[in-house]
Amino acid sequence: MDCADSDCVGTHLCVPDTPGGWTGPIVVALGNVAAPTCPADFPDQALVGGVLATPQPALTCPTCACDASAATCGDPKVTSYGSSNCGSQARTNHTFTGCQAFSPGSDQSSFKLELGAAGGMCAAQSTGAMSKPPLAFTTHILGCAAGTQGAGCGAGAKCTRRPPAGFGRVCLHRTGNHACTTGWTEKTLLSANVVDTRSCTPCGCGAVTCSATATAYDDSACVTALGKTLSAPGCAVLDSAENTFSVVTTKSSSCPPTGGTVTGAISGTETTLCCRP
């Protein structure tokens, strides 16, 4: 190969020598659509990547939930007290759901609600599927090795083949962000060898959680509400010492859903591409 040879006119060109730390020359296709493969005369792929769009199309994950049909909670416990802070003079204790009358004939100034024991487990459920759009590039780049360099260009330059159709640039590349070198002045900062490891964490369920409420009534049959509803665990003070009162308690079980969140990342090697003007 010799650029001084008349047979090379139109097929070869002179380019500056490749300085230390740089790789090339390569012929490069740049565009909105990725070039499918290196051409037959330049078969060795040397660089693949591009300029990533910001932001990237979002990855969406399934919605996670928990079926609590197999979870269990023991009945909540209600204790009435003669003191106003559930701290002393315990009167009666009941473990139940529904309506329960407390002992008439004794002063009761507060009541405490405690949760029953949790048991069983929840079954994980998911709605929808993971959606992972292709990575978006503002510019796709495919570089193919230009092959052996020849003579005929004088000191500080080498003869190499002209880029084929669709590969309109002759360039050098180097890992990292660098200033371009003499003779290779058109810079593109790109991400090479881009990998997308984003995925979704699997749906699961946390431990069974029990909840309960208790509502006080001014009679023994849960008819006339006192306006005091208590969530467990806790203590409620009655408006005055009630000789007769009743409580309705309810219970429920649930599990906090886990998973359905994005994990992983988009990564690539920061690379400087410097091309002939």
Protein backbone atom coordinates (compact mmCIF):
# COMPACT_ATOMS: atom_id res chain seq x y z
CA MET A 1 0.00 0.00 0.00
CA ASP A 2 1.48 3.33 -1.06
CA CYS A 3 -0.48 6.58 -1.31
CA ALA A 4 2.15 7.86 -3.81
CA ASP A 5 1.11 5.08 -6.21
CA SER A 6 -1.37 6.25 -8.88
CA ASP A 7 -3.34 3.01 -8.37
CA CYS A 8 -4.25 4.23 -4.90
CA VAL A 9 -5.78 7.53 -5.98
CA GLY A 10 -9.41 7.62 -4.78
CA THR A 11 -9.07 4.45 -2.68
CA HIS A 12 -6.53 5.54 -0.05
CA LEU A 13 -5.63 8.66 1.87
CA CYS A 14 -2.91 9.98 4.12
CA VAL A 15 -3.61 10.40 7.84
CA PRO A 16 -1.35 11.52 10.70
CA ASP A 17 0.44 8.80 12.62
CA THR A 18 -1.47 7.42 15.60
CA PRO A 19 0.01 9.02 18.75
CA GLY A 20 0.76 7.05 21.90
CA GLY A 21 -2.24 6.14 24.03
CA TRP A 22 -4.66 6.21 21.10
CA THR A 23 -6.05 3.36 19.00
CA GLY A 24 -6.69 3.61 15.29
CA PRO A 25 -7.23 4.58 12.67
CA ILE A 26 -10.72 3.15 12.41
CA VAL A 27 -13.50 3.83 9.95
CA VAL A 28 -16.65 4.93 11.75
CA ALA A 29 -20.37 4.99 11.03
CA LEU A 30 -22.29 7.61 13.02
CA GLY A 31 -26.04 7.98 12.84
CA ASN A 32 -29.46 7.81 14.43
CA VAL A 33 -29.66 4.09 13.61
CA ALA A 34 -26.98 1.57 14.52
CA ALA A 35 -24.98 0.18 11.62
CA PRO A 36 -25.68 -3.58 11.44
CA THR A 37 -22.10 -4.83 11.01
CA CYS A 38 -18.64 -3.96 9.78
CA PRO A 39 -18.23 -4.01 5.95
CA ALA A 40 -16.49 -6.92 4.23
CA ASP A 41 -13.30 -4.93 3.55
CA PHE A 42 -13.10 -3.78 7.19
CA PRO A 43 -14.35 -6.89 9.05
CA ASP A 44 -12.75 -6.31 12.47
CA GLN A 45 -15.02 -4.45 14.88
CA ALA A 46 -12.99 -2.01 16.96
CA LEU A 47 -15.57 0.16 18.74
CA VAL A 48 -19.29 -0.08 19.44
CA GLY A 49 -21.43 2.29 21.46
CA GLY A 50 -22.77 5.78 21.11
CA VAL A 51 -24.01 8.87 22.88
CA LEU A 52 -26.70 7.81 25.34
CA ALA A 53 -29.91 9.83 25.45
CA THR A 54 -30.84 11.55 28.73
CA PRO A 55 -33.06 10.45 30.30
CA GLN A 56 -33.31 6.85 29.19
CA PRO A 57 -36.71 5.20 28.59
CA ALA A 58 -37.93 4.08 32.00
CA LEU A 59 -38.04 0.45 33.02
CA THR A 60 -41.34 -0.42 34.72
CA CYS A 61 -41.86 -3.25 37.18
CA PRO A 62 -44.91 -5.34 38.13
CA THR A 63 -47.09 -4.12 41.00
CA CYS A 64 -46.63 -6.32 44.06
CA ALA A 65 -49.33 -7.21 46.58
CA CYS A 66 -49.92 -9.83 49.28
CA ASP A 67 -52.80 -12.27 49.75
CA ALA A 68 -53.39 -12.53 53.51
CA SER A 69 -55.93 -15.36 53.38
CA ALA A 70 -53.48 -17.77 55.04
CA ALA A 71 -52.31 -15.25 57.66
CA THR A 72 -53.69 -15.52 61.19
CA CYS A 73 -54.07 -13.16 64.13
CA GLY A 74 -55.14 -14.13 67.60
CA ASP A 75 -58.12 -12.31 69.12
CA PRO A 76 -57.22 -8.92 70.62
CA LYS A 77 -57.23 -8.49 74.40
CA VAL A 78 -59.14 -5.73 76.21
CA THR A 79 -58.43 -4.88 79.85
CA SER A 80 -60.47 -2.36 81.84
CA TYR A 81 -58.96 -0.34 84.69
CA GLY A 82 -60.14 1.69 87.63
CA SER A 83 -57.31 4.20 87.01
CA SER A 84 -57.51 6.71 84.18
CA ASN A 85 -54.26 5.70 82.46
CA CYS A 86 -54.52 1.90 82.19
CA GLY A 87 -51.77 1.68 84.76
CA SER A 88 -53.43 0.17 87.84
CA GLN A 89 -56.62 -1.31 89.30
CA ALA A 90 -57.22 -3.80 86.51
CA ARG A 91 -60.89 -4.79 86.61
CA THR A 92 -61.53 -7.39 83.94
CA ASN A 93 -59.70 -8.94 80.98
CA HIS A 94 -61.29 -10.33 77.85
CA THR A 95 -59.84 -11.83 74.67
CA PHE A 96 -62.46 -11.66 71.93
CA THR A 97 -63.84 -10.12 68.76
CA GLY A 98 -67.32 -8.67 68.44
CA CYS A 99 -69.24 -7.24 71.40
CA GLN A 100 -68.25 -7.91 75.01
CA ALA A 101 -69.83 -6.48 78.18
CA PHE A 102 -67.58 -5.46 81.07
CA SER A 103 -68.36 -5.97 84.73
CA PRO A 104 -71.17 -3.71 85.91
CA GLY A 105 -71.06 -2.34 89.39
CA SER A 106 -67.38 -1.38 89.41
CA ASP A 107 -65.86 1.92 88.42
CA GLN A 108 -63.91 1.63 85.16
CA SER A 109 -62.07 4.73 83.98
CA SER A 110 -59.96 3.43 81.08
CA PHE A 111 -59.41 0.44 78.89
CA LYS A 112 -56.41 -0.96 77.04
CA LEU A 113 -56.32 -2.85 73.73
CA GLU A 114 -53.56 -5.34 72.90
CA LEU A 115 -52.96 -7.27 69.69
CA GLY A 116 -53.27 -11.00 69.36
CA ALA A 117 -50.36 -13.13 68.18
CA ALA A 118 -49.54 -13.14 64.47
CA GLY A 119 -49.13 -16.39 62.56
CA GLY A 120 -49.25 -17.96 59.14
CA MET A 121 -47.93 -16.21 56.09
CA CYS A 122 -49.04 -14.22 53.07
CA ALA A 123 -48.76 -15.24 49.42
CA ALA A 124 -47.01 -12.83 47.05
CA GLN A 125 -48.98 -11.59 44.05
CA SER A 126 -47.93 -9.50 41.07
CA THR A 127 -49.89 -7.53 38.51
CA GLY A 128 -48.40 -6.74 35.12
CA ALA A 129 -45.00 -7.63 33.70
CA MET A 130 -41.61 -5.97 33.53
CA SER A 131 -41.28 -3.58 30.60
CA LYS A 132 -37.70 -2.87 29.51
CA PRO A 133 -37.48 -0.61 26.46
CA PRO A 134 -34.30 -0.71 24.33
CA LEU A 135 -31.59 1.76 25.24
CA ALA A 136 -31.89 5.10 23.46
CA PHE A 137 -28.92 6.76 21.77
CA THR A 138 -28.79 10.24 20.28
CA THR A 139 -25.96 8.92 18.11
CA HIS A 140 -24.98 5.32 17.34
CA ILE A 141 -21.32 4.60 16.66
CA LEU A 142 -19.72 1.56 15.03
CA GLY A 143 -15.97 1.61 14.40
CA CYS A 144 -14.12 -0.95 12.29
CA ALA A 145 -10.34 -1.34 12.11
CA ALA A 146 -8.89 0.35 9.03
CA GLY A 147 -6.28 -2.37 8.61
CA THR A 148 -2.59 -2.16 7.69
CA GLN A 149 -1.17 1.31 7.14
CA GLY A 150 1.28 1.97 4.31
CA ALA A 151 3.75 4.52 3.04
CA GLY A 152 3.78 7.28 0.46
CA CYS A 153 2.65 10.10 2.77
CA GLY A 154 5.90 11.58 4.05
CA ALA A 155 7.09 11.98 7.63
CA GLY A 156 4.50 11.84 10.43
CA ALA A 157 1.76 10.26 8.29
CA LYS A 158 0.63 6.90 7.01
CA CYS A 159 -1.43 5.71 4.06
CA THR A 160 -4.73 3.94 4.82
CA ARG A 161 -7.83 2.97 2.88
CA ARG A 162 -10.68 5.43 2.49
CA PRO A 163 -13.88 4.71 4.46
CA PRO A 164 -16.46 2.64 2.59
CA ALA A 165 -20.04 3.76 1.98
CA GLY A 166 -21.86 4.40 5.24
CA PHE A 167 -18.58 4.76 7.16
CA GLY A 168 -17.75 8.36 6.40
CA ARG A 169 -15.18 9.11 9.09
CA VAL A 170 -11.62 8.07 9.88
CA CYS A 171 -10.99 8.35 13.61
CA LEU A 172 -8.93 7.44 16.66
CA HIS A 173 -10.35 6.40 20.05
CA ARG A 174 -9.15 6.27 23.63
CA THR A 175 -10.66 5.24 26.95
CA GLY A 176 -11.58 8.23 29.13
CA ASN A 177 -12.25 11.89 28.40
CA HIS A 178 -9.29 13.41 26.53
CA ALA A 179 -8.53 16.41 24.37
CA CYS A 180 -8.14 15.50 20.71
CA THR A 181 -4.69 15.41 19.19
CA THR A 182 -3.24 17.28 16.20
CA GLY A 183 -4.87 16.29 12.93
CA TRP A 184 -7.76 14.53 14.70
CA THR A 185 -9.82 17.47 15.88
CA GLU A 186 -13.50 16.49 15.81
CA LYS A 187 -14.34 15.10 19.24
CA THR A 188 -17.26 12.93 20.37
CA LEU A 189 -17.49 11.74 23.96
CA LEU A 190 -19.34 8.43 23.95
CA SER A 191 -20.14 5.33 25.96
CA ALA A 192 -18.58 2.17 24.57
CA ASN A 193 -19.60 -1.43 25.26
CA VAL A 194 -22.81 -0.33 26.96
CA VAL A 195 -24.48 -2.90 29.21
CA ASP A 196 -27.99 -2.62 30.67
CA THR A 197 -28.33 -4.75 33.82
CA ARG A 198 -31.58 -3.15 34.98
CA SER A 199 -34.21 -5.59 36.17
CA CYS A 200 -36.99 -5.85 38.79
CA THR A 201 -36.70 -7.32 42.26
CA PRO A 202 -39.10 -10.26 42.71
CA CYS A 203 -42.37 -9.77 44.55
CA GLY A 204 -42.48 -11.04 48.11
CA CYS A 205 -44.22 -10.45 51.44
CA GLY A 206 -42.99 -9.32 54.82
CA ALA A 207 -44.07 -10.76 58.16
CA VAL A 208 -47.74 -10.94 59.08
CA THR A 209 -48.97 -7.73 60.71
CA CYS A 210 -52.05 -7.72 62.92
CA SER A 211 -54.28 -4.74 63.57
CA ALA A 212 -57.28 -4.26 65.85
CA THR A 213 -59.75 -1.62 66.99
CA ALA A 214 -62.00 -1.33 70.04
CA THR A 215 -65.02 0.98 70.42
CA ALA A 216 -66.53 1.65 73.86
CA TYR A 217 -70.31 1.78 74.51
CA ASP A 218 -72.36 3.18 77.42
CA ASP A 219 -74.33 -0.01 77.94
CA SER A 220 -73.78 -3.76 78.11
CA ALA A 221 -75.00 -4.55 74.58
CA CYS A 222 -72.86 -2.26 72.36
CA VAL A 223 -75.77 0.03 71.48
CA THR A 224 -74.90 3.56 72.68
CA ALA A 225 -71.40 4.57 71.64
CA LEU A 226 -69.25 6.59 74.03
CA GLY A 227 -67.31 8.14 71.15
CA LYS A 228 -64.09 6.37 72.05
CA THR A 229 -62.46 4.15 69.41
CA LEU A 230 -59.00 2.79 70.09
CA SER A 231 -56.43 1.25 67.76
CA ALA A 232 -54.11 -1.38 69.18
CA PRO A 233 -51.90 -1.17 71.02
CA GLY A 234 -53.06 1.71 73.17
CA CYS A 235 -55.11 3.05 76.07
CA ALA A 236 -58.34 5.08 76.04
CA VAL A 237 -59.68 7.15 78.95
CA LEU A 238 -63.42 7.10 79.50
CA ASP A 239 -65.23 10.38 80.00
CA SER A 240 -66.25 9.40 83.53
CA ALA A 241 -66.27 6.34 85.72
CA GLU A 242 -68.74 4.05 83.98
CA ASN A 243 -70.46 1.37 86.02
CA THR A 244 -71.65 -0.38 82.87
CA PHE A 245 -69.92 -0.40 79.48
CA SER A 246 -69.19 -2.72 76.58
CA VAL A 247 -66.63 -2.87 73.76
CA VAL A 248 -66.75 -4.01 70.14
CA THR A 249 -63.39 -5.23 68.86
CA THR A 250 -62.32 -6.07 65.30
CA LYS A 251 -59.11 -7.60 63.96
CA SER A 252 -57.41 -7.92 60.60
CA SER A 253 -54.17 -9.27 59.18
CA SER A 254 -51.92 -8.11 56.37
CA CYS A 255 -48.36 -8.31 55.09
CA PRO A 256 -46.27 -5.51 53.60
CA PRO A 257 -45.46 -6.28 49.95
CA THR A 258 -41.82 -6.26 48.93
CA GLY A 259 -40.10 -6.19 45.55
CA GLY A 260 -41.27 -4.68 42.29
CA THR A 261 -38.48 -2.09 42.33
CA VAL A 262 -35.81 -1.37 39.75
CA THR A 263 -32.37 -2.83 40.37
CA GLY A 264 -29.20 -2.70 38.31
CA ALA A 265 -27.94 0.11 36.09
CA ILE A 266 -26.85 1.19 32.64
CA SER A 267 -23.06 1.21 32.39
CA GLY A 268 -20.46 1.75 29.72
CA THR A 269 -16.86 2.79 29.22
CA GLU A 270 -16.36 6.52 28.75
CA THR A 271 -14.48 6.85 25.47
CA THR A 272 -13.16 9.76 23.42
CA LEU A 273 -13.56 9.55 19.65
CA CYS A 274 -11.47 12.00 17.61
CA CYS A 275 -11.99 12.13 13.85
CA ARG A 276 -10.38 13.74 10.83
CA PRO A 277 -12.14 16.98 9.87
